PDB file of N, CA and C in Angstrom:
ATOM      1  N   MET A   1      77.925 105.350  92.659  1.00  0.00           N
ATOM      2  CA  MET A   1      78.336 105.931  93.914  1.00  0.00           C
ATOM      3  C   MET A   1      77.411 107.086  94.294  1.00  0.00           C
ATOM      4  N   GLY A   2      76.945 107.820  93.298  1.00  0.00           N
ATOM      5  CA  GLY A   2      76.060 108.941  93.574  1.00  0.00           C
ATOM      6  C   GLY A   2      74.760 108.502  94.212  1.00  0.00           C
ATOM      7  N   ILE A   3      74.210 107.404  93.731  1.00  0.00           N
ATOM      8  CA  ILE A   3      72.960 106.890  94.300  1.00  0.00           C
ATOM      9  C   ILE A   3      73.181 106.446  95.742  1.00  0.00           C
ATOM     10  N   LEU A   4      74.319 105.825  96.007  1.00  0.00           N
ATOM     11  CA  LEU A   4      74.637 105.392  97.365  1.00  0.00           C
ATOM     12  C   LEU A   4      74.732 106.595  98.310  1.00  0.00           C
ATOM     13  N   PHE A   5      75.446 107.626  97.890  1.00  0.00           N
ATOM     14  CA  PHE A   5      75.571 108.814  98.734  1.00  0.00           C
ATOM     15  C   PHE A   5      74.230 109.529  98.908  1.00  0.00           C
ATOM     16  N   MET A   6      73.414 109.540  97.869  1.00  0.00           N
ATOM     17  CA  MET A   6      72.102 110.162  97.981  1.00  0.00           C
ATOM     18  C   MET A   6      71.233 109.396  98.980  1.00  0.00           C
ATOM     19  N   GLY A   7      71.309 108.073  98.961  1.00  0.00           N
ATOM     20  CA  GLY A   7      70.565 107.272  99.925  1.00  0.00           C
ATOM     21  C   GLY A   7      71.000 107.551 101.351  1.00  0.00           C
ATOM     22  N   ILE A   8      72.296 107.685 101.545  1.00  0.00           N
ATOM     23  CA  ILE A   8      72.810 108.017 102.882  1.00  0.00           C
ATOM     24  C   ILE A   8      72.332 109.401 103.296  1.00  0.00           C
ATOM     25  N   LEU A   9      72.360 110.336 102.367  1.00  0.00           N
ATOM     26  CA  LEU A   9      71.987 111.711 102.673  1.00  0.00           C
ATOM     27  C   LEU A   9      70.515 111.833 103.072  1.00  0.00           C
ATOM     28  N   VAL A  10      69.608 111.218 102.315  1.00  0.00           N
ATOM     29  CA  VAL A  10      68.174 111.363 102.604  1.00  0.00           C
ATOM     30  C   VAL A  10      67.674 110.351 103.622  1.00  0.00           C
ATOM     31  N   GLY A  11      68.496 109.387 103.983  1.00  0.00           N
ATOM     32  CA  GLY A  11      68.103 108.349 104.933  1.00  0.00           C
ATOM     33  C   GLY A  11      68.013 108.853 106.360  1.00  0.00           C
ATOM     34  N   PRO A  12      67.763 107.942 107.292  1.00  0.00           N
ATOM     35  CA  PRO A  12      67.514 108.340 108.681  1.00  0.00           C
ATOM     36  C   PRO A  12      68.745 108.843 109.433  1.00  0.00           C
ATOM     37  N   TYR A  13      69.947 108.598 108.939  1.00  0.00           N
ATOM     38  CA  TYR A  13      71.144 108.974 109.680  1.00  0.00           C
ATOM     39  C   TYR A  13      71.607 110.408 109.449  1.00  0.00           C
ATOM     40  N   VAL A  14      71.205 111.022 108.313  1.00  0.00           N
ATOM     41  CA  VAL A  14      71.695 112.372 108.029  1.00  0.00           C
ATOM     42  C   VAL A  14      70.532 113.376 108.055  1.00  0.00           C
ATOM     43  N   LEU A  15      69.736 113.418 106.977  1.00  0.00           N
ATOM     44  CA  LEU A  15      68.655 114.400 106.898  1.00  0.00           C
ATOM     45  C   LEU A  15      67.300 113.854 107.343  1.00  0.00           C
ATOM     46  N   GLY A  16      67.119 112.557 107.267  1.00  0.00           N
ATOM     47  CA  GLY A  16      65.854 111.953 107.698  1.00  0.00           C
ATOM     48  C   GLY A  16      64.667 112.358 106.847  1.00  0.00           C
ATOM     49  N   LEU A  17      64.853 112.481 105.533  1.00  0.00           N
ATOM     50  CA  LEU A  17      63.779 112.914 104.646  1.00  0.00           C
ATOM     51  C   LEU A  17      62.821 111.795 104.236  1.00  0.00           C
ATOM     52  N   MET A  18      63.194 110.555 104.457  1.00  0.00           N
ATOM     53  CA  MET A  18      62.337 109.435 104.045  1.00  0.00           C
ATOM     54  C   MET A  18      61.210 109.232 105.053  1.00  0.00           C
ATOM     55  N   ARG A  19      60.034 108.922 104.524  1.00  0.00           N
ATOM     56  CA  ARG A  19      58.900 108.650 105.401  1.00  0.00           C
ATOM     57  C   ARG A  19      59.119 107.317 106.105  1.00  0.00           C
ATOM     58  N   PRO A  20      58.563 107.139 107.291  1.00  0.00           N
ATOM     59  CA  PRO A  20      58.739 105.890 108.046  1.00  0.00           C
ATOM     60  C   PRO A  20      58.235 104.653 107.290  1.00  0.00           C
ATOM     61  N   GLU A  21      57.195 104.819 106.468  1.00  0.00           N
ATOM     62  CA  GLU A  21      56.685 103.675 105.690  1.00  0.00           C
ATOM     63  C   GLU A  21      57.744 103.166 104.710  1.00  0.00           C
ATOM     64  N   MET A  22      58.495 104.082 104.140  1.00  0.00           N
ATOM     65  CA  MET A  22      59.539 103.692 103.191  1.00  0.00           C
ATOM     66  C   MET A  22      60.657 102.944 103.904  1.00  0.00           C
ATOM     67  N   MET A  23      60.963 103.338 105.112  1.00  0.00           N
ATOM     68  CA  MET A  23      62.011 102.667 105.875  1.00  0.00           C
ATOM     69  C   MET A  23      61.600 101.236 106.223  1.00  0.00           C
ATOM     70  N   GLN A  24      60.309 100.989 106.364  1.00  0.00           N
ATOM     71  CA  GLN A  24      59.840  99.637 106.694  1.00  0.00           C
ATOM     72  C   GLN A  24      60.039  98.671 105.536  1.00  0.00           C
ATOM     73  N   VAL A  25      59.984  99.160 104.293  1.00  0.00           N
ATOM     74  CA  VAL A  25      60.157  98.280 103.137  1.00  0.00           C
ATOM     75  C   VAL A  25      61.554  98.379 102.532  1.00  0.00           C
ATOM     76  N   SER A  26      62.425  99.200 103.120  1.00  0.00           N
ATOM     77  CA  SER A  26      63.746  99.387 102.537  1.00  0.00           C
ATOM     78  C   SER A  26      64.570  98.101 102.544  1.00  0.00           C
ATOM     79  N   ALA A  27      64.371  97.234 103.523  1.00  0.00           N
ATOM     80  CA  ALA A  27      65.121  95.975 103.567  1.00  0.00           C
ATOM     81  C   ALA A  27      64.807  95.121 102.337  1.00  0.00           C
ATOM     82  N   GLU A  28      63.546  95.091 101.936  1.00  0.00           N
ATOM     83  CA  GLU A  28      63.173  94.320 100.749  1.00  0.00           C
ATOM     84  C   GLU A  28      63.777  94.922  99.487  1.00  0.00           C
ATOM     85  N   PHE A  29      63.786  96.256  99.398  1.00  0.00           N
ATOM     86  CA  PHE A  29      64.394  96.906  98.237  1.00  0.00           C
ATOM     87  C   PHE A  29      65.891  96.620  98.161  1.00  0.00           C
ATOM     88  N   ARG A  30      66.561  96.612  99.291  1.00  0.00           N
ATOM     89  CA  ARG A  30      67.999  96.315  99.302  1.00  0.00           C
ATOM     90  C   ARG A  30      68.259  94.883  98.859  1.00  0.00           C
ATOM     91  N   LYS A  31      67.432  93.954  99.301  1.00  0.00           N
ATOM     92  CA  LYS A  31      67.607  92.560  98.884  1.00  0.00           C
ATOM     93  C   LYS A  31      67.413  92.410  97.378  1.00  0.00           C
ATOM     94  N   ILE A  32      66.394  93.066  96.851  1.00  0.00           N
ATOM     95  CA  ILE A  32      66.140  93.005  95.408  1.00  0.00           C
ATOM     96  C   ILE A  32      67.319  93.600  94.641  1.00  0.00           C
ATOM     97  N   ALA A  33      67.841  94.738  95.098  1.00  0.00           N
ATOM     98  CA  ALA A  33      68.970  95.379  94.426  1.00  0.00           C
ATOM     99  C   ALA A  33      70.205  94.479  94.448  1.00  0.00           C
ATOM    100  N   LEU A  34      70.467  93.838  95.576  1.00  0.00           N
ATOM    101  CA  LEU A  34      71.615  92.939  95.672  1.00  0.00           C
ATOM    102  C   LEU A  34      71.451  91.744  94.742  1.00  0.00           C
ATOM    103  N   ILE A  35      70.264  91.198  94.671  1.00  0.00           N
ATOM    104  CA  ILE A  35      70.008  90.062  93.778  1.00  0.00           C
ATOM    105  C   ILE A  35      70.238  90.459  92.330  1.00  0.00           C
ATOM    106  N   VAL A  36      69.770  91.633  91.934  1.00  0.00           N
ATOM    107  CA  VAL A  36      69.963  92.091  90.557  1.00  0.00           C
ATOM    108  C   VAL A  36      71.445  92.271  90.247  1.00  0.00           C
ATOM    109  N   ILE A  37      72.193  92.882  91.160  1.00  0.00           N
ATOM    110  CA  ILE A  37      73.628  93.095  90.943  1.00  0.00           C
ATOM    111  C   ILE A  37      74.357  91.766  90.799  1.00  0.00           C
ATOM    112  N   LEU A  38      74.093  90.830  91.690  1.00  0.00           N
ATOM    113  CA  LEU A  38      74.788  89.541  91.639  1.00  0.00           C
ATOM    114  C   LEU A  38      74.389  88.724  90.423  1.00  0.00           C
ATOM    115  N   LEU A  39      73.125  88.783  90.026  1.00  0.00           N
ATOM    116  CA  LEU A  39      72.701  88.064  88.822  1.00  0.00           C
ATOM    117  C   LEU A  39      73.364  88.628  87.576  1.00  0.00           C
ATOM    118  N   ARG A  40      73.406  89.948  87.473  1.00  0.00           N
ATOM    119  CA  ARG A  40      74.060  90.554  86.299  1.00  0.00           C
ATOM    120  C   ARG A  40      75.523  90.163  86.217  1.00  0.00           C
ATOM    121  N   ALA A  41      76.205  90.176  87.345  1.00  0.00           N
ATOM    122  CA  ALA A  41      77.618  89.807  87.358  1.00  0.00           C
ATOM    123  C   ALA A  41      77.791  88.332  87.032  1.00  0.00           C
ATOM    124  N   GLY A  42      76.929  87.487  87.568  1.00  0.00           N
ATOM    125  CA  GLY A  42      77.037  86.054  87.322  1.00  0.00           C
ATOM    126  C   GLY A  42      76.783  85.677  85.877  1.00  0.00           C
ATOM    127  N   PHE A  43      75.871  86.374  85.230  1.00  0.00           N
ATOM    128  CA  PHE A  43      75.571  86.074  83.829  1.00  0.00           C
ATOM    129  C   PHE A  43      76.710  86.474  82.906  1.00  0.00           C
ATOM    130  N   GLU A  44      77.547  87.408  83.336  1.00  0.00           N
ATOM    131  CA  GLU A  44      78.650  87.875  82.501  1.00  0.00           C
ATOM    132  C   GLU A  44      79.913  87.025  82.653  1.00  0.00           C
ATOM    133  N   LEU A  45      79.971  86.158  83.641  1.00  0.00           N
ATOM    134  CA  LEU A  45      81.168  85.350  83.873  1.00  0.00           C
ATOM    135  C   LEU A  45      81.031  83.979  83.224  1.00  0.00           C
ATOM    136  N   HIS A  46      82.134  83.498  82.704  1.00  0.00           N
ATOM    137  CA  HIS A  46      82.205  82.145  82.149  1.00  0.00           C
ATOM    138  C   HIS A  46      83.338  81.424  82.858  1.00  0.00           C
ATOM    139  N   ARG A  47      83.134  80.150  83.105  1.00  0.00           N
ATOM    140  CA  ARG A  47      84.109  79.378  83.880  1.00  0.00           C
ATOM    141  C   ARG A  47      85.499  79.386  83.247  1.00  0.00           C
ATOM    142  N   ASP A  48      85.579  79.183  81.942  1.00  0.00           N
ATOM    143  CA  ASP A  48      86.900  79.141  81.295  1.00  0.00           C
ATOM    144  C   ASP A  48      87.604  80.492  81.375  1.00  0.00           C
ATOM    145  N   THR A  49      86.851  81.571  81.226  1.00  0.00           N
ATOM    146  CA  THR A  49      87.444  82.901  81.341  1.00  0.00           C
ATOM    147  C   THR A  49      87.923  83.156  82.762  1.00  0.00           C
ATOM    148  N   LEU A  50      87.122  82.772  83.734  1.00  0.00           N
ATOM    149  CA  LEU A  50      87.503  82.972  85.127  1.00  0.00           C
ATOM    150  C   LEU A  50      88.723  82.133  85.495  1.00  0.00           C
ATOM    151  N   ASN A  51      88.817  80.911  84.961  1.00  0.00           N
ATOM    152  CA  ASN A  51      90.000  80.090  85.211  1.00  0.00           C
ATOM    153  C   ASN A  51      91.249  80.719  84.614  1.00  0.00           C
ATOM    154  N   ARG A  52      91.095  81.382  83.479  1.00  0.00           N
ATOM    155  CA  ARG A  52      92.232  82.000  82.816  1.00  0.00           C
ATOM    156  C   ARG A  52      92.801  83.164  83.629  1.00  0.00           C
ATOM    157  N   VAL A  53      91.941  83.901  84.307  1.00  0.00           N
ATOM    158  CA  VAL A  53      92.379  85.079  85.052  1.00  0.00           C
ATOM    159  C   VAL A  53      92.207  84.879  86.556  1.00  0.00           C
ATOM    160  N   ARG A  54      92.326  83.664  86.993  1.00  0.00           N
ATOM    161  CA  ARG A  54      92.047  83.295  88.384  1.00  0.00           C
ATOM    162  C   ARG A  54      92.799  84.163  89.398  1.00  0.00           C
ATOM    163  N   ARG A  55      94.100  84.260  89.253  1.00  0.00           N
ATOM    164  CA  ARG A  55      94.911  84.983  90.232  1.00  0.00           C
ATOM    165  C   ARG A  55      94.580  86.476  90.251  1.00  0.00           C
ATOM    166  N   ALA A  56      94.463  87.077  89.089  1.00  0.00           N
ATOM    167  CA  ALA A  56      94.140  88.506  89.016  1.00  0.00           C
ATOM    168  C   ALA A  56      92.753  88.776  89.577  1.00  0.00           C
ATOM    169  N   ALA A  57      91.796  87.908  89.274  1.00  0.00           N
ATOM    170  CA  ALA A  57      90.432  88.093  89.781  1.00  0.00           C
ATOM    171  C   ALA A  57      90.394  87.988  91.299  1.00  0.00           C
ATOM    172  N   LEU A  58      91.098  87.017  91.841  1.00  0.00           N
ATOM    173  CA  LEU A  58      91.128  86.840  93.291  1.00  0.00           C
ATOM    174  C   LEU A  58      91.795  88.033  93.975  1.00  0.00           C
ATOM    175  N   THR A  59      92.908  88.472  93.413  1.00  0.00           N
ATOM    176  CA  THR A  59      93.627  89.611  93.995  1.00  0.00           C
ATOM    177  C   THR A  59      92.783  90.879  93.952  1.00  0.00           C
ATOM    178  N   MET A  60      92.198  91.176  92.796  1.00  0.00           N
ATOM    179  CA  MET A  60      91.413  92.400  92.670  1.00  0.00           C
ATOM    180  C   MET A  60      90.161  92.356  93.539  1.00  0.00           C
ATOM    181  N   SER A  61      89.555  91.211  93.661  1.00  0.00           N
ATOM    182  CA  SER A  61      88.362  91.091  94.499  1.00  0.00           C
ATOM    183  C   SER A  61      88.708  91.273  95.971  1.00  0.00           C
ATOM    184  N   ALA A  62      89.770  90.619  96.407  1.00  0.00           N
ATOM    185  CA  ALA A  62      90.148  90.691  97.818  1.00  0.00           C
ATOM    186  C   ALA A  62      90.621  92.085  98.202  1.00  0.00           C
ATOM    187  N   VAL A  63      91.429  92.697  97.362  1.00  0.00           N
ATOM    188  CA  VAL A  63      91.965  94.022  97.679  1.00  0.00           C
ATOM    189  C   VAL A  63      90.842  95.050  97.771  1.00  0.00           C
ATOM    190  N   THR A  64      89.944  95.068  96.799  1.00  0.00           N
ATOM    191  CA  THR A  64      88.858  96.051  96.842  1.00  0.00           C
ATOM    192  C   THR A  64      87.942  95.796  98.033  1.00  0.00           C
ATOM    193  N   ALA A  65      87.647  94.547  98.323  1.00  0.00           N
ATOM    194  CA  ALA A  65      86.763  94.237  99.458  1.00  0.00           C
ATOM    195  C   ALA A  65      87.387  94.673 100.774  1.00  0.00           C
ATOM    196  N   VAL A  66      88.657  94.396 100.969  1.00  0.00           N
ATOM    197  CA  VAL A  66      89.329  94.772 102.219  1.00  0.00           C
ATOM    198  C   VAL A  66      89.339  96.293 102.393  1.00  0.00           C
ATOM    199  N   PHE A  67      89.662  97.030 101.318  1.00  0.00           N
ATOM    200  CA  PHE A  67      89.684  98.486 101.425  1.00  0.00           C
ATOM    201  C   PHE A  67      88.287  99.056 101.657  1.00  0.00           C
ATOM    202  N   GLU A  68      87.268  98.469 101.036  1.00  0.00           N
ATOM    203  CA  GLU A  68      85.907  98.954 101.278  1.00  0.00           C
ATOM    204  C   GLU A  68      85.484  98.701 102.720  1.00  0.00           C
ATOM    205  N   ILE A  69      85.779  97.515 103.227  1.00  0.00           N
ATOM    206  CA  ILE A  69      85.410  97.200 104.614  1.00  0.00           C
ATOM    207  C   ILE A  69      86.121  98.142 105.577  1.00  0.00           C
ATOM    208  N   LEU A  70      87.431  98.315 105.411  1.00  0.00           N
ATOM    209  CA  LEU A  70      88.183  99.205 106.298  1.00  0.00           C
ATOM    210  C   LEU A  70      87.724 100.655 106.181  1.00  0.00           C
ATOM    211  N   GLY A  71      87.513 101.109 104.956  1.00  0.00           N
ATOM    212  CA  GLY A  71      87.093 102.490 104.741  1.00  0.00           C
ATOM    213  C   GLY A  71      85.758 102.803 105.387  1.00  0.00           C
ATOM    214  N   VAL A  72      84.767 101.943 105.168  1.00  0.00           N
ATOM    215  CA  VAL A  72      83.446 102.181 105.751  1.00  0.00           C
ATOM    216  C   VAL A  72      83.503 102.042 107.266  1.00  0.00           C
ATOM    217  N   THR A  73      84.274 101.076 107.768  1.00  0.00           N
ATOM    218  CA  THR A  73      84.373 100.887 109.218  1.00  0.00           C
ATOM    219  C   THR A  73      84.991 102.104 109.895  1.00  0.00           C
ATOM    220  N   LEU A  74      85.944 102.746 109.241  1.00  0.00           N
ATOM    221  CA  LEU A  74      86.588 103.916 109.835  1.00  0.00           C
ATOM    222  C   LEU A  74      85.773 105.196 109.684  1.00  0.00           C
ATOM    223  N   VAL A  75      85.034 105.334 108.584  1.00  0.00           N
ATOM    224  CA  VAL A  75      84.352 106.591 108.287  1.00  0.00           C
ATOM    225  C   VAL A  75      82.918 106.629 108.801  1.00  0.00           C
ATOM    226  N   ALA A  76      82.201 105.534 108.720  1.00  0.00           N
ATOM    227  CA  ALA A  76      80.768 105.530 109.049  1.00  0.00           C
ATOM    228  C   ALA A  76      80.445 105.951 110.488  1.00  0.00           C
ATOM    229  N   PRO A  77      81.246 105.579 111.490  1.00  0.00           N
ATOM    230  CA  PRO A  77      80.892 106.055 112.842  1.00  0.00           C
ATOM    231  C   PRO A  77      80.860 107.580 112.962  1.00  0.00           C
ATOM    232  N   GLN A  78      81.797 108.277 112.325  1.00  0.00           N
ATOM    233  CA  GLN A  78      81.809 109.735 112.409  1.00  0.00           C
ATOM    234  C   GLN A  78      80.734 110.361 111.518  1.00  0.00           C
ATOM    235  N   TRP A  79      80.607 109.877 110.288  1.00  0.00           N
ATOM    236  CA  TRP A  79      79.710 110.495 109.320  1.00  0.00           C
ATOM    237  C   TRP A  79      78.251 110.114 109.530  1.00  0.00           C
ATOM    238  N   LEU A  80      78.013 108.868 109.906  1.00  0.00           N
ATOM    239  CA  LEU A  80      76.637 108.375 109.981  1.00  0.00           C
ATOM    240  C   LEU A  80      76.157 108.115 111.403  1.00  0.00           C
ATOM    241  N   GLY A  81      77.008 108.315 112.386  1.00  0.00           N
ATOM    242  CA  GLY A  81      76.613 108.101 113.764  1.00  0.00           C
ATOM    243  C   GLY A  81      76.339 106.649 114.110  1.00  0.00           C
ATOM    244  N   MET A  82      76.974 105.731 113.411  1.00  0.00           N
ATOM    245  CA  MET A  82      76.801 104.299 113.660  1.00  0.00           C
ATOM    246  C   MET A  82      77.820 103.830 114.688  1.00  0.00           C
ATOM    247  N   SER A  83      77.528 102.698 115.288  1.00  0.00           N
ATOM    248  CA  SER A  83      78.534 102.075 116.145  1.00  0.00           C
ATOM    249  C   SER A  83      79.594 101.431 115.257  1.00  0.00           C
ATOM    250  N   LEU A  84      80.709 101.064 115.835  1.00  0.00           N
ATOM    251  CA  LEU A  84      81.786 100.436 115.075  1.00  0.00           C
ATOM    252  C   LEU A  84      81.342  99.104 114.484  1.00  0.00           C
ATOM    253  N   VAL A  85      80.543  98.351 115.228  1.00  0.00           N
ATOM    254  CA  VAL A  85      80.056  97.053 114.732  1.00  0.00           C
ATOM    255  C   VAL A  85      79.114  97.248 113.553  1.00  0.00           C
ATOM    256  N   GLU A  86      78.197  98.219 113.662  1.00  0.00           N
ATOM    257  CA  GLU A  86      77.281  98.501 112.542  1.00  0.00           C
ATOM    258  C   GLU A  86      78.055  98.947 111.306  1.00  0.00           C
ATOM    259  N   ALA A  87      79.068  99.765 111.512  1.00  0.00           N
ATOM    260  CA  ALA A  87      79.887 100.229 110.390  1.00  0.00           C
ATOM    261  C   ALA A  87      80.635  99.072 109.742  1.00  0.00           C
ATOM    262  N   ALA A  88      81.147  98.151 110.544  1.00  0.00           N
ATOM    263  CA  ALA A  88      81.848  96.985 109.997  1.00  0.00           C
ATOM    264  C   ALA A  88      80.891  96.089 109.215  1.00  0.00           C
ATOM    265  N   ILE A  89      79.671  95.946 109.703  1.00  0.00           N
ATOM    266  CA  ILE A  89      78.679  95.145 108.978  1.00  0.00           C
ATOM    267  C   ILE A  89      78.335  95.803 107.649  1.00  0.00           C
ATOM    268  N   LEU A  90      78.120  97.121 107.659  1.00  0.00           N
ATOM    269  CA  LEU A  90      77.842  97.839 106.418  1.00  0.00           C
ATOM    270  C   LEU A  90      79.011  97.707 105.445  1.00  0.00           C
ATOM    271  N   GLY A  91      80.229  97.844 105.936  1.00  0.00           N
ATOM    272  CA  GLY A  91      81.407  97.679 105.083  1.00  0.00           C
ATOM    273  C   GLY A  91      81.511  96.289 104.505  1.00  0.00           C
ATOM    274  N   SER A  92      81.158  95.283 105.282  1.00  0.00           N
ATOM    275  CA  SER A  92      81.190  93.901 104.792  1.00  0.00           C
ATOM    276  C   SER A  92      80.149  93.665 103.706  1.00  0.00           C
ATOM    277  N   ILE A  93      78.999  94.281 103.856  1.00  0.00           N
ATOM    278  CA  ILE A  93      77.966  94.150 102.822  1.00  0.00           C
ATOM    279  C   ILE A  93      78.445  94.789 101.525  1.00  0.00           C
ATOM    280  N   LEU A  94      78.992  95.988 101.622  1.00  0.00           N
ATOM    281  CA  LEU A  94      79.512  96.648 100.423  1.00  0.00           C
ATOM    282  C   LEU A  94      80.696  95.884  99.841  1.00  0.00           C
ATOM    283  N   GLY A  95      81.558  95.365 100.699  1.00  0.00           N
ATOM    284  CA  GLY A  95      82.713  94.595 100.236  1.00  0.00           C
ATOM    285  C   GLY A  95      82.321  93.296  99.552  1.00  0.00           C
ATOM    286  N   ALA A  96      81.211  92.703  99.973  1.00  0.00           N
ATOM    287  CA  ALA A  96      80.761  91.448  99.362  1.00  0.00           C
ATOM    288  C   ALA A  96      80.247  91.663  97.950  1.00  0.00           C
ATOM    289  N   VAL A  97      79.725  92.840  97.674  1.00  0.00           N
ATOM    290  CA  VAL A  97      79.169  93.124  96.355  1.00  0.00           C
ATOM    291  C   VAL A  97      80.255  93.558  95.368  1.00  0.00           C
ATOM    292  N   SER A  98      81.350  94.124  95.851  1.00  0.00           N
ATOM    293  CA  SER A  98      82.360  94.678  94.953  1.00  0.00           C
ATOM    294  C   SER A  98      82.961  93.662  93.985  1.00  0.00           C
ATOM    295  N   PRO A  99      83.234  92.404  94.367  1.00  0.00           N
ATOM    296  CA  PRO A  99      83.750  91.475  93.357  1.00  0.00           C
ATOM    297  C   PRO A  99      82.776  91.247  92.207  1.00  0.00           C
ATOM    298  N   ALA A 100      81.485  91.366  92.472  1.00  0.00           N
ATOM    299  CA  ALA A 100      80.498  91.196  91.410  1.00  0.00           C
ATOM    300  C   ALA A 100      80.598  92.312  90.380  1.00  0.00           C
ATOM    301  N   VAL A 101      81.158  93.444  90.769  1.00  0.00           N
ATOM    302  CA  VAL A 101      81.331  94.554  89.850  1.00  0.00           C
ATOM    303  C   VAL A 101      82.731  94.548  89.250  1.00  0.00           C
ATOM    304  N   VAL A 102      83.739  94.302  90.065  1.00  0.00           N
ATOM    305  CA  VAL A 102      85.130  94.426  89.636  1.00  0.00           C
ATOM    306  C   VAL A 102      85.544  93.317  88.669  1.00  0.00           C
ATOM    307  N   VAL A 103      85.218  92.072  88.986  1.00  0.00           N
ATOM    308  CA  VAL A 103      85.718  90.946  88.181  1.00  0.00           C
ATOM    309  C   VAL A 103      85.196  90.978  86.743  1.00  0.00           C
ATOM    310  N   PRO A 104      83.899  91.163  86.490  1.00  0.00           N
ATOM    311  CA  PRO A 104      83.464  91.231  85.090  1.00  0.00           C
ATOM    312  C   PRO A 104      84.092  92.384  84.322  1.00  0.00           C
ATOM    313  N   LEU A 105      84.264  93.531  84.964  1.00  0.00           N
ATOM    314  CA  LEU A 105      84.918  94.656  84.292  1.00  0.00           C
ATOM    315  C   LEU A 105      86.379  94.346  83.991  1.00  0.00           C
ATOM    316  N   MET A 106      87.065  93.707  84.934  1.00  0.00           N
ATOM    317  CA  MET A 106      88.458  93.354  84.730  1.00  0.00           C
ATOM    318  C   MET A 106      88.606  92.384  83.547  1.00  0.00           C
ATOM    319  N   ILE A 107      87.736  91.397  83.479  1.00  0.00           N
ATOM    320  CA  ILE A 107      87.797  90.429  82.385  1.00  0.00           C
ATOM    321  C   ILE A 107      87.516  91.117  81.055  1.00  0.00           C
ATOM    322  N   ASP A 108      86.562  92.032  81.031  1.00  0.00           N
ATOM    323  CA  ASP A 108      86.263  92.778  79.809  1.00  0.00           C
ATOM    324  C   ASP A 108      87.464  93.603  79.372  1.00  0.00           C
ATOM    325  N   TYR A 109      88.117  94.283  80.313  1.00  0.00           N
ATOM    326  CA  TYR A 109      89.298  95.078  79.978  1.00  0.00           C
ATOM    327  C   TYR A 109      90.429  94.196  79.461  1.00  0.00           C
ATOM    328  N   MET A 110      90.604  93.028  80.065  1.00  0.00           N
ATOM    329  CA  MET A 110      91.669  92.132  79.614  1.00  0.00           C
ATOM    330  C   MET A 110      91.375  91.604  78.220  1.00  0.00           C
ATOM    331  N   ASP A 111      90.120  91.268  77.948  1.00  0.00           N
ATOM    332  CA  ASP A 111      89.749  90.765  76.622  1.00  0.00           C
ATOM    333  C   ASP A 111      89.926  91.830  75.546  1.00  0.00           C
ATOM    334  N   ARG A 112      89.667  93.089  75.904  1.00  0.00           N
ATOM    335  CA  ARG A 112      89.820  94.178  74.935  1.00  0.00           C
ATOM    336  C   ARG A 112      91.253  94.678  74.847  1.00  0.00           C
ATOM    337  N   GLY A 113      92.119  94.193  75.731  1.00  0.00           N
ATOM    338  CA  GLY A 113      93.524  94.586  75.692  1.00  0.00           C
ATOM    339  C   GLY A 113      93.806  95.933  76.309  1.00  0.00           C
ATOM    340  N   LEU A 114      92.871  96.457  77.083  1.00  0.00           N
ATOM    341  CA  LEU A 114      93.100  97.746  77.730  1.00  0.00           C
ATOM    342  C   LEU A 114      94.119  97.588  78.847  1.00  0.00           C
ATOM    343  N   GLY A 115      94.957  98.568  78.997  1.00  0.00           N
ATOM    344  CA  GLY A 115      95.968  98.535  80.046  1.00  0.00           C
ATOM    345  C   GLY A 115      97.263  97.866  79.635  1.00  0.00           C
ATOM    346  N   THR A 116      97.325  97.339  78.429  1.00  0.00           N
ATOM    347  CA  THR A 116      98.573  96.735  77.966  1.00  0.00           C
ATOM    348  C   THR A 116      99.388  97.796  77.247  1.00  0.00           C
ATOM    349  N   HIS A 117     100.686  97.655  77.299  1.00  0.00           N
ATOM    350  CA  HIS A 117     101.583  98.646  76.716  1.00  0.00           C
ATOM    351  C   HIS A 117     101.946  98.255  75.296  1.00  0.00           C
ATOM    352  N   LYS A 118     101.551  99.058  74.320  1.00  0.00           N
ATOM    353  CA  LYS A 118     101.871  98.861  72.912  1.00  0.00           C
ATOM    354  C   LYS A 118     101.461  97.487  72.408  1.00  0.00           C
ATOM    355  N   GLY A 119     100.307  97.017  72.832  1.00  0.00           N
ATOM    356  CA  GLY A 119      99.771  95.774  72.315  1.00  0.00           C
ATOM    357  C   GLY A 119     100.445  94.527  72.854  1.00  0.00           C
ATOM    358  N   CYS A 120     101.287  94.647  73.844  1.00  0.00           N
ATOM    359  CA  CYS A 120     102.006  93.515  74.412  1.00  0.00           C
ATOM    360  C   CYS A 120     101.165  92.882  75.502  1.00  0.00           C
ATOM    361  N   ARG A 121     100.719  91.647  75.324  1.00  0.00           N
ATOM    362  CA  ARG A 121      99.903  90.945  76.308  1.00  0.00           C
ATOM    363  C   ARG A 121     100.774  90.008  77.113  1.00  0.00           C
ATOM    364  N   HIS A 122     100.447  89.874  78.396  1.00  0.00           N
ATOM    365  CA  HIS A 122     101.185  88.966  79.281  1.00  0.00           C
ATOM    366  C   HIS A 122     100.290  87.838  79.693  1.00  0.00           C
TER     367      HIS A 122
END
């Protein structure tokens, strides 16, 4: 989250500290970063594990994505000077990546038994 906020801070919408040449290649850097995030998440998932936690994975992915989309759509116009449509697009991009982070962590926590009360698994 810190890197994301730092990017917003030094980017063209707040302080404008980035040189124009960097802004021209930023789209390629974002694509590379998204590919790395999705590949890492995909390599950590196994079909049988995902089938076992299907409902929880779907719920956690959908809930986090919806809240991220709504949050960015409501906040970005005031904080970043974006239009409502641009803010919704940014929120959708962030929301699309969140399941790649949430689901593998959730499966890891379930496998380790974290969050269960006194060793009782459901």
